[in-house]
C-alpha cells in the first residue's frame, strides 16, 4: 500500500508539472533540517524533519529521500508533522490518498507530497514536515552513527534516462506558472551511546543540573513542535522521560506529576 501511494503521488506530481502552457522559475532554496538523537542499542527513537525558508504561499510538490545505515537503525514509520497536515488529502476527495506517501527501500526513505489544489491554504509551509520513527539495532556498537542524509530519490529521472539528481520543492500557481526551489540540507543522525543513561538527568530539559518548572515550560514548547525553543541535543535526551525515543505530551505529563510531588520515577 505504501509503495502504491508513492507511485500515485508521483503520477499526481508529474501531471501537475507537465500541464500545457506551464512556465517555470527558480527561487531561493528551502532548508530541510533532520533531527539528531543519541540512543542505546535496541532503543526506539523519533526525529523530526523540519522545513524552513519556505515562501509564504507554500509548496505544492515535494520529492526527496533520506538515506540511513540499515546496519545501525531500522525505520518503522514516517508520519506527517504539523506543516504536512494541510487537510489537502480531505479536500482532494477521491484523490486524497495521492497527496502523501513514503517508502522504505532498506537504506533510503522515499517521501512524496503533492497536491493539485490551487488554494495555498492547503500547501506545505514552514514547520515540522515529517516525524521519522525507528529503532537502533541491538547489535549496534558504542559510537556507531547512522547519518540521516537528505538526497535526491535514487531512481531514473525519466524512463531509460540517467539518474535523478534533483530534490523537488515546487509550487504550481493558478496561472500554470511553476516556481522551483533549490534545497539546502542540514543532515541529521542517530548516534549510539552504550551506557549513556549514566550521564542523564531525567527531566532536566534546560541542562542546568536541576529539575524544576522551567524544564516543564521548555519541554512543553518541544512537545508543541516549537523549533525555536533552543533546546540542546542533551536536553532532548533528558526530556524523554517516557523512554520511547520521542518527546511529546506524555513526557510533559509525567514531568508535571513528578514536580507535583507524586510518586513518579523519571528514570523508568
C-alpha atoms as a PDB file:
ATOM      1  CA  UNK A   1       0.000   0.000   0.000  1.00  0.00           C
ATOM      2  CA  UNK A   2       2.782   2.431   0.894  1.00  0.00           C
ATOM      3  CA  UNK A   3       4.525   1.693  -2.402  1.00  0.00           C
ATOM      4  CA  UNK A   4       1.329   2.326  -4.368  1.00  0.00           C
ATOM      5  CA  UNK A   5       0.766   5.622  -2.549  1.00  0.00           C
ATOM      6  CA  UNK A   6       4.241   6.727  -3.576  1.00  0.00           C
ATOM      7  CA  UNK A   7       3.523   5.767  -7.179  1.00  0.00           C
ATOM      8  CA  UNK A   8       0.188   7.613  -7.057  1.00  0.00           C
ATOM      9  CA  UNK A   9       1.896  10.669  -5.621  1.00  0.00           C
ATOM     10  CA  UNK A  10       4.489  10.639  -8.385  1.00  0.00           C
ATOM     11  CA  UNK A  11       1.747  10.445 -11.009  1.00  0.00           C
ATOM     12  CA  UNK A  12      -0.071  13.408  -9.460  1.00  0.00           C
ATOM     13  CA  UNK A  13       3.157  15.379  -9.338  1.00  0.00           C
ATOM     14  CA  UNK A  14       4.004  14.571 -12.947  1.00  0.00           C
ATOM     15  CA  UNK A  15       0.573  15.656 -14.140  1.00  0.00           C
ATOM     16  CA  UNK A  16       0.758  18.935 -12.208  1.00  0.00           C
ATOM     17  CA  UNK A  17       4.157  19.980 -13.583  1.00  0.00           C
ATOM     18  CA  UNK A  18       3.640  18.966 -17.214  1.00  0.00           C
ATOM     19  CA  UNK A  19       0.370  20.786 -17.847  1.00  0.00           C
ATOM     20  CA  UNK A  20       0.086  22.716 -21.108  1.00  0.00           C
ATOM     21  CA  UNK A  21       1.346  26.285 -21.124  1.00  0.00           C
ATOM     22  CA  UNK A  22       3.234  25.989 -17.853  1.00  0.00           C
ATOM     23  CA  UNK A  23       6.352  28.074 -17.281  1.00  0.00           C
ATOM     24  CA  UNK A  24       8.997  27.612 -14.584  1.00  0.00           C
ATOM     25  CA  UNK A  25      11.079  29.972 -12.479  1.00  0.00           C
ATOM     26  CA  UNK A  26      13.783  29.365  -9.871  1.00  0.00           C
ATOM     27  CA  UNK A  27      13.715  30.795  -6.343  1.00  0.00           C
ATOM     28  CA  UNK A  28      15.640  30.763  -3.078  1.00  0.00           C
ATOM     29  CA  UNK A  29      16.261  27.316  -1.558  1.00  0.00           C
ATOM     30  CA  UNK A  30      14.146  25.568   1.040  1.00  0.00           C
ATOM     31  CA  UNK A  31      16.094  24.389   4.097  1.00  0.00           C
ATOM     32  CA  UNK A  32      15.485  20.790   5.195  1.00  0.00           C
ATOM     33  CA  UNK A  33      16.683  20.064   8.727  1.00  0.00           C
ATOM     34  CA  UNK A  34      16.739  16.500  10.037  1.00  0.00           C
ATOM     35  CA  UNK A  35      16.937  15.951  13.778  1.00  0.00           C
ATOM     36  CA  UNK A  36      19.591  14.146  15.811  1.00  0.00           C
ATOM     37  CA  UNK A  37      19.211  11.611  18.591  1.00  0.00           C
ATOM     38  CA  UNK A  38      21.546   9.633  20.841  1.00  0.00           C
ATOM     39  CA  UNK A  39      20.151   6.255  21.851  1.00  0.00           C
ATOM     40  CA  UNK A  40      21.151   2.939  23.365  1.00  0.00           C
ATOM     41  CA  UNK A  41      21.361  -0.231  21.222  1.00  0.00           C
ATOM     42  CA  UNK A  42      17.843  -1.600  20.773  1.00  0.00           C
ATOM     43  CA  UNK A  43      16.190   1.665  21.820  1.00  0.00           C
ATOM     44  CA  UNK A  44      13.387   3.273  19.811  1.00  0.00           C
ATOM     45  CA  UNK A  45      13.728   6.813  18.534  1.00  0.00           C
ATOM     46  CA  UNK A  46      11.945   9.506  16.571  1.00  0.00           C
ATOM     47  CA  UNK A  47      13.369  12.535  14.786  1.00  0.00           C
ATOM     48  CA  UNK A  48      11.659  15.455  13.104  1.00  0.00           C
ATOM     49  CA  UNK A  49      12.267  16.729   9.586  1.00  0.00           C
ATOM     50  CA  UNK A  50      11.671  20.482   9.552  1.00  0.00           C
ATOM     51  CA  UNK A  51      11.243  22.839   6.606  1.00  0.00           C
ATOM     52  CA  UNK A  52      12.227  26.497   6.776  1.00  0.00           C
ATOM     53  CA  UNK A  53      12.721  29.376   4.324  1.00  0.00           C
ATOM     54  CA  UNK A  54       9.571  28.242   2.515  1.00  0.00           C
ATOM     55  CA  UNK A  55       7.895  31.052   0.568  1.00  0.00           C
ATOM     56  CA  UNK A  56       4.797  32.411   2.310  1.00  0.00           C
ATOM     57  CA  UNK A  57       2.465  30.818  -0.257  1.00  0.00           C
ATOM     58  CA  UNK A  58       3.902  27.348   0.369  1.00  0.00           C
ATOM     59  CA  UNK A  59       4.764  24.242  -1.653  1.00  0.00           C
ATOM     60  CA  UNK A  60       2.567  22.012  -3.801  1.00  0.00           C
ATOM     61  CA  UNK A  61       5.129  19.323  -4.720  1.00  0.00           C
ATOM     62  CA  UNK A  62       7.827  17.703  -2.588  1.00  0.00           C
ATOM     63  CA  UNK A  63      10.047  14.782  -3.569  1.00  0.00           C
ATOM     64  CA  UNK A  64      13.213  13.751  -1.728  1.00  0.00           C
ATOM     65  CA  UNK A  65      14.795  10.880   0.160  1.00  0.00           C
ATOM     66  CA  UNK A  66      16.689  10.369   3.412  1.00  0.00           C
ATOM     67  CA  UNK A  67      19.496   7.824   3.390  1.00  0.00           C
ATOM     68  CA  UNK A  68      20.366   5.863   6.530  1.00  0.00           C
ATOM     69  CA  UNK A  69      22.602   2.965   7.578  1.00  0.00           C
ATOM     70  CA  UNK A  70      20.487  -0.209   7.897  1.00  0.00           C
ATOM     71  CA  UNK A  71      23.258  -1.881   9.916  1.00  0.00           C
ATOM     72  CA  UNK A  72      22.699   0.638  12.708  1.00  0.00           C
ATOM     73  CA  UNK A  73      18.994   1.537  12.579  1.00  0.00           C
ATOM     74  CA  UNK A  74      15.679   0.387  11.111  1.00  0.00           C
ATOM     75  CA  UNK A  75      12.685   2.525  10.173  1.00  0.00           C
ATOM     76  CA  UNK A  76       9.190   1.718  11.447  1.00  0.00           C
ATOM     77  CA  UNK A  77       7.083   4.728  10.439  1.00  0.00           C
ATOM     78  CA  UNK A  78       7.107   8.116   8.707  1.00  0.00           C
ATOM     79  CA  UNK A  79       4.253  10.418   9.711  1.00  0.00           C
ATOM     80  CA  UNK A  80       3.307  13.922   8.631  1.00  0.00           C
ATOM     81  CA  UNK A  81       4.054  16.688  11.105  1.00  0.00           C
ATOM     82  CA  UNK A  82       2.069  19.869  11.602  1.00  0.00           C
ATOM     83  CA  UNK A  83       3.409  21.506   8.411  1.00  0.00           C
ATOM     84  CA  UNK A  84       2.432  18.492   6.318  1.00  0.00           C
ATOM     85  CA  UNK A  85      -1.090  18.154   7.707  1.00  0.00           C
ATOM     86  CA  UNK A  86      -2.674  20.793   5.484  1.00  0.00           C
ATOM     87  CA  UNK A  87      -6.034  18.986   5.003  1.00  0.00           C
ATOM     88  CA  UNK A  88      -5.244  18.729   1.292  1.00  0.00           C
ATOM     89  CA  UNK A  89      -5.968  14.995   1.453  1.00  0.00           C
ATOM     90  CA  UNK A  90      -9.582  15.547   2.569  1.00  0.00           C
ATOM     91  CA  UNK A  91     -10.078  18.418   0.121  1.00  0.00           C
ATOM     92  CA  UNK A  92      -8.798  16.281  -2.777  1.00  0.00           C
ATOM     93  CA  UNK A  93     -11.687  13.842  -2.267  1.00  0.00           C
ATOM     94  CA  UNK A  94     -11.144  10.582  -4.158  1.00  0.00           C
ATOM     95  CA  UNK A  95      -7.534  11.584  -4.820  1.00  0.00           C
ATOM     96  CA  UNK A  96      -6.729  12.179  -1.156  1.00  0.00           C
ATOM     97  CA  UNK A  97      -4.544   9.076  -0.957  1.00  0.00           C
ATOM     98  CA  UNK A  98      -2.205  10.529  -3.590  1.00  0.00           C
ATOM     99  CA  UNK A  99      -1.211  13.563  -1.505  1.00  0.00           C
ATOM    100  CA  UNK A 100       1.343  11.863   0.748  1.00  0.00           C
ATOM    101  CA  UNK A 101       3.299   8.646   0.501  1.00  0.00           C
ATOM    102  CA  UNK A 102       6.534   7.157   1.740  1.00  0.00           C
ATOM    103  CA  UNK A 103       8.523   4.005   1.089  1.00  0.00           C
ATOM    104  CA  UNK A 104      11.452   2.399   2.896  1.00  0.00           C
ATOM    105  CA  UNK A 105      13.859   0.820   0.405  1.00  0.00           C
ATOM    106  CA  UNK A 106      16.001  -0.681   3.152  1.00  0.00           C
ATOM    107  CA  UNK A 107      18.556   2.110   3.149  1.00  0.00           C
ATOM    108  CA  UNK A 108      16.563   5.104   1.936  1.00  0.00           C
ATOM    109  CA  UNK A 109      13.253   6.684   2.932  1.00  0.00           C
ATOM    110  CA  UNK A 110      11.461   7.990  -0.166  1.00  0.00           C
ATOM    111  CA  UNK A 111       8.998  10.831   0.521  1.00  0.00           C
ATOM    112  CA  UNK A 112       6.340  12.228  -1.838  1.00  0.00           C
ATOM    113  CA  UNK A 113       3.870  15.040  -1.098  1.00  0.00           C
ATOM    114  CA  UNK A 114       1.829  16.651  -3.890  1.00  0.00           C
ATOM    115  CA  UNK A 115      -1.468  18.450  -4.365  1.00  0.00           C
ATOM    116  CA  UNK A 116      -3.226  19.946  -7.341  1.00  0.00           C
ATOM    117  CA  UNK A 117      -5.258  22.342  -5.199  1.00  0.00           C
ATOM    118  CA  UNK A 118      -4.876  25.998  -6.202  1.00  0.00           C
ATOM    119  CA  UNK A 119      -5.782  27.373  -2.773  1.00  0.00           C
ATOM    120  CA  UNK A 120      -2.473  27.950  -0.953  1.00  0.00           C
ATOM    121  CA  UNK A 121      -4.046  27.361   2.464  1.00  0.00           C
ATOM    122  CA  UNK A 122      -3.649  23.661   1.609  1.00  0.00           C
ATOM    123  CA  UNK A 123       0.045  23.964   0.674  1.00  0.00           C
ATOM    124  CA  UNK A 124       3.002  22.991   2.856  1.00  0.00           C
ATOM    125  CA  UNK A 125       4.519  25.842   4.878  1.00  0.00           C
ATOM    126  CA  UNK A 126       7.390  26.168   7.379  1.00  0.00           C
ATOM    127  CA  UNK A 127       7.490  23.811  10.332  1.00  0.00           C
ATOM    128  CA  UNK A 128       7.761  20.110  11.102  1.00  0.00           C
ATOM    129  CA  UNK A 129       7.025  18.290   7.861  1.00  0.00           C
ATOM    130  CA  UNK A 130       7.732  14.722   8.987  1.00  0.00           C
ATOM    131  CA  UNK A 131       8.452  12.634  12.048  1.00  0.00           C
ATOM    132  CA  UNK A 132      10.549   9.533  11.404  1.00  0.00           C
ATOM    133  CA  UNK A 133      10.333   6.670  13.899  1.00  0.00           C
ATOM    134  CA  UNK A 134      12.616   3.680  14.156  1.00  0.00           C
ATOM    135  CA  UNK A 135      14.818   1.555  16.342  1.00  0.00           C
ATOM    136  CA  UNK A 136      18.550   1.197  16.882  1.00  0.00           C
ATOM    137  CA  UNK A 137      19.944  -2.249  16.141  1.00  0.00           C
ATOM    138  CA  UNK A 138      20.555  -4.372  19.214  1.00  0.00           C
ATOM    139  CA  UNK A 139      23.926  -5.178  17.637  1.00  0.00           C
ATOM    140  CA  UNK A 140      24.936  -1.526  17.258  1.00  0.00           C
ATOM    141  CA  UNK A 141      28.217  -0.623  18.920  1.00  0.00           C
ATOM    142  CA  UNK A 142      29.196   2.311  21.074  1.00  0.00           C
ATOM    143  CA  UNK A 143      29.821   5.457  18.979  1.00  0.00           C
ATOM    144  CA  UNK A 144      28.217   3.994  15.841  1.00  0.00           C
ATOM    145  CA  UNK A 145      26.479   6.738  13.875  1.00  0.00           C
ATOM    146  CA  UNK A 146      23.859   6.457  11.160  1.00  0.00           C
ATOM    147  CA  UNK A 147      23.758   9.664   9.164  1.00  0.00           C
ATOM    148  CA  UNK A 148      20.303  10.807   8.066  1.00  0.00           C
ATOM    149  CA  UNK A 149      21.255  12.415   4.769  1.00  0.00           C
ATOM    150  CA  UNK A 150      18.818  14.345   2.575  1.00  0.00           C
ATOM    151  CA  UNK A 151      19.314  13.327  -1.067  1.00  0.00           C
ATOM    152  CA  UNK A 152      17.518  13.127  -4.399  1.00  0.00           C
ATOM    153  CA  UNK A 153      15.498   9.928  -4.780  1.00  0.00           C
ATOM    154  CA  UNK A 154      17.564   7.085  -6.251  1.00  0.00           C
ATOM    155  CA  UNK A 155      15.715   6.412  -9.497  1.00  0.00           C
ATOM    156  CA  UNK A 156      15.936   7.331 -13.164  1.00  0.00           C
ATOM    157  CA  UNK A 157      14.970  10.913 -13.913  1.00  0.00           C
ATOM    158  CA  UNK A 158      12.749   9.501 -16.667  1.00  0.00           C
ATOM    159  CA  UNK A 159      12.232   6.008 -18.160  1.00  0.00           C
ATOM    160  CA  UNK A 160      15.510   4.877 -19.677  1.00  0.00           C
ATOM    161  CA  UNK A 161      17.212   8.101 -18.607  1.00  0.00           C
ATOM    162  CA  UNK A 162      20.110   8.930 -16.346  1.00  0.00           C
ATOM    163  CA  UNK A 163      19.956   9.054 -12.552  1.00  0.00           C
ATOM    164  CA  UNK A 164      17.712  11.625 -10.905  1.00  0.00           C
ATOM    165  CA  UNK A 165      19.732  14.483  -9.423  1.00  0.00           C
ATOM    166  CA  UNK A 166      17.024  16.767  -8.108  1.00  0.00           C
ATOM    167  CA  UNK A 167      15.331  17.238  -4.768  1.00  0.00           C
ATOM    168  CA  UNK A 168      11.935  18.677  -5.645  1.00  0.00           C
ATOM    169  CA  UNK A 169      10.380  21.633  -3.861  1.00  0.00           C
ATOM    170  CA  UNK A 170       7.977  23.469  -6.140  1.00  0.00           C
ATOM    171  CA  UNK A 171       4.730  25.394  -6.290  1.00  0.00           C
ATOM    172  CA  UNK A 172       2.226  25.428  -9.146  1.00  0.00           C
ATOM    173  CA  UNK A 173       0.140  28.611  -9.241  1.00  0.00           C
ATOM    174  CA  UNK A 174      -3.359  29.081 -10.682  1.00  0.00           C
ATOM    175  CA  UNK A 175      -1.886  30.721 -13.808  1.00  0.00           C
ATOM    176  CA  UNK A 176       0.041  27.486 -14.523  1.00  0.00           C
ATOM    177  CA  UNK A 177       3.377  29.045 -13.597  1.00  0.00           C
ATOM    178  CA  UNK A 178       5.791  26.812 -11.666  1.00  0.00           C
ATOM    179  CA  UNK A 179       8.276  28.042  -9.080  1.00  0.00           C
ATOM    180  CA  UNK A 180      11.102  25.596  -8.432  1.00  0.00           C
ATOM    181  CA  UNK A 181      13.035  25.948  -5.193  1.00  0.00           C
ATOM    182  CA  UNK A 182      16.506  24.625  -4.538  1.00  0.00           C
ATOM    183  CA  UNK A 183      17.264  22.612  -1.417  1.00  0.00           C
ATOM    184  CA  UNK A 184      19.650  23.290   1.443  1.00  0.00           C
ATOM    185  CA  UNK A 185      20.076  20.215   3.620  1.00  0.00           C
ATOM    186  CA  UNK A 186      21.035  20.054   7.286  1.00  0.00           C
ATOM    187  CA  UNK A 187      21.536  16.345   7.770  1.00  0.00           C
ATOM    188  CA  UNK A 188      20.678  14.525  10.973  1.00  0.00           C
ATOM    189  CA  UNK A 189      21.962  11.406  12.679  1.00  0.00           C
ATOM    190  CA  UNK A 190      21.236   8.629  15.110  1.00  0.00           C
ATOM    191  CA  UNK A 191      24.232   8.107  17.386  1.00  0.00           C
ATOM    192  CA  UNK A 192      24.734   5.040  19.570  1.00  0.00           C
ATOM    193  CA  UNK A 193      25.970   5.504  23.107  1.00  0.00           C
ATOM    194  CA  UNK A 194      26.268   2.426  25.306  1.00  0.00           C
ATOM    195  CA  UNK A 195      25.667   3.262  28.961  1.00  0.00           C
ATOM    196  CA  UNK A 196      24.784   6.877  28.164  1.00  0.00           C
ATOM    197  CA  UNK A 197      21.995   6.895  30.759  1.00  0.00           C
ATOM    198  CA  UNK A 198      24.641   7.290  33.498  1.00  0.00           C
ATOM    199  CA  UNK A 199      25.085  10.919  32.467  1.00  0.00           C
ATOM    200  CA  UNK A 200      21.413  11.729  32.018  1.00  0.00           C
ATOM    201  CA  UNK A 201      19.458  13.884  34.473  1.00  0.00           C
ATOM    202  CA  UNK A 202      15.931  12.879  33.583  1.00  0.00           C
ATOM    203  CA  UNK A 203      13.629  15.883  33.288  1.00  0.00           C
ATOM    204  CA  UNK A 204      16.468  18.418  33.094  1.00  0.00           C
ATOM    205  CA  UNK A 205      15.386  19.857  29.744  1.00  0.00           C
ATOM    206  CA  UNK A 206      17.466  23.024  30.058  1.00  0.00           C
ATOM    207  CA  UNK A 207      20.597  21.130  31.236  1.00  0.00           C
ATOM    208  CA  UNK A 208      21.264  23.304  34.294  1.00  0.00           C
ATOM    209  CA  UNK A 209      21.592  20.258  36.609  1.00  0.00           C
ATOM    210  CA  UNK A 210      18.230  20.981  38.251  1.00  0.00           C
ATOM    211  CA  UNK A 211      14.709  19.739  37.535  1.00  0.00           C
ATOM    212  CA  UNK A 212      12.044  22.379  38.053  1.00  0.00           C
ATOM    213  CA  UNK A 213       9.093  24.129  36.420  1.00  0.00           C
ATOM    214  CA  UNK A 214      11.360  25.839  33.879  1.00  0.00           C
ATOM    215  CA  UNK A 215      12.149  22.409  32.457  1.00  0.00           C
ATOM    216  CA  UNK A 216       8.423  21.741  32.097  1.00  0.00           C
ATOM    217  CA  UNK A 217       7.988  25.011  30.200  1.00  0.00           C
ATOM    218  CA  UNK A 218      10.784  24.103  27.787  1.00  0.00           C
ATOM    219  CA  UNK A 219       9.527  20.545  27.394  1.00  0.00           C
ATOM    220  CA  UNK A 220       6.041  21.882  26.604  1.00  0.00           C
ATOM    221  CA  UNK A 221       7.490  24.010  23.800  1.00  0.00           C
ATOM    222  CA  UNK A 222       9.294  20.990  22.359  1.00  0.00           C
ATOM    223  CA  UNK A 223       6.153  18.855  22.544  1.00  0.00           C
ATOM    224  CA  UNK A 224       4.292  21.653  20.711  1.00  0.00           C
ATOM    225  CA  UNK A 225       6.894  21.468  17.903  1.00  0.00           C
ATOM    226  CA  UNK A 226       8.351  24.882  18.647  1.00  0.00           C
ATOM    227  CA  UNK A 227      11.513  24.742  16.517  1.00  0.00           C
ATOM    228  CA  UNK A 228      12.838  27.975  18.060  1.00  0.00           C
ATOM    229  CA  UNK A 229      12.757  26.869  21.699  1.00  0.00           C
ATOM    230  CA  UNK A 230      16.544  26.466  21.814  1.00  0.00           C
ATOM    231  CA  UNK A 231      16.698  23.037  23.429  1.00  0.00           C
ATOM    232  CA  UNK A 232      20.032  21.204  23.028  1.00  0.00           C
ATOM    233  CA  UNK A 233      20.511  17.591  21.972  1.00  0.00           C
ATOM    234  CA  UNK A 234      21.399  16.675  25.589  1.00  0.00           C
ATOM    235  CA  UNK A 235      18.257  18.499  26.678  1.00  0.00           C
ATOM    236  CA  UNK A 236      16.195  16.388  24.300  1.00  0.00           C
ATOM    237  CA  UNK A 237      17.682  13.214  25.764  1.00  0.00           C
ATOM    238  CA  UNK A 238      16.908  14.400  29.311  1.00  0.00           C
ATOM    239  CA  UNK A 239      13.352  15.295  28.277  1.00  0.00           C
ATOM    240  CA  UNK A 240      12.447  11.792  27.072  1.00  0.00           C
ATOM    241  CA  UNK A 241      11.167  10.686  30.468  1.00  0.00           C
ATOM    242  CA  UNK A 242       8.834   8.086  28.926  1.00  0.00           C
ATOM    243  CA  UNK A 243      11.887   6.488  27.256  1.00  0.00           C
ATOM    244  CA  UNK A 244      10.256   5.845  23.894  1.00  0.00           C
ATOM    245  CA  UNK A 245      12.643   7.906  21.759  1.00  0.00           C
ATOM    246  CA  UNK A 246      10.167  10.748  21.199  1.00  0.00           C
ATOM    247  CA  UNK A 247       9.396  13.993  23.021  1.00  0.00           C
ATOM    248  CA  UNK A 248       5.669  14.543  23.292  1.00  0.00           C
ATOM    249  CA  UNK A 249       2.820  15.419  25.642  1.00  0.00           C
ATOM    250  CA  UNK A 250       3.224  12.164  27.597  1.00  0.00           C
ATOM    251  CA  UNK A 251       6.697  13.306  28.692  1.00  0.00           C
ATOM    252  CA  UNK A 252       5.307  16.645  29.864  1.00  0.00           C
ATOM    253  CA  UNK A 253       2.513  14.982  31.862  1.00  0.00           C
ATOM    254  CA  UNK A 254       4.980  12.649  33.575  1.00  0.00           C
ATOM    255  CA  UNK A 255       7.340  15.521  34.432  1.00  0.00           C
ATOM    256  CA  UNK A 256       4.482  17.620  35.844  1.00  0.00           C
ATOM    257  CA  UNK A 257       3.403  14.722  38.052  1.00  0.00           C
ATOM    258  CA  UNK A 258       6.972  14.462  39.326  1.00  0.00           C
ATOM    259  CA  UNK A 259       7.108  18.203  40.050  1.00  0.00           C
ATOM    260  CA  UNK A 260       3.761  17.965  41.857  1.00  0.00           C
ATOM    261  CA  UNK A 261       5.308  15.504  44.299  1.00  0.00           C
ATOM    262  CA  UNK A 262       3.539  12.393  43.062  1.00  0.00           C
ATOM    263  CA  UNK A 263       5.266   9.031  43.259  1.00  0.00           C
ATOM    264  CA  UNK A 264       6.828   9.160  39.782  1.00  0.00           C
ATOM    265  CA  UNK A 265      10.242   7.770  38.827  1.00  0.00           C
ATOM    266  CA  UNK A 266      11.524   9.697  35.790  1.00  0.00           C
ATOM    267  CA  UNK A 267      14.248   7.117  35.165  1.00  0.00           C
ATOM    268  CA  UNK A 268      11.767   4.329  34.384  1.00  0.00           C
END
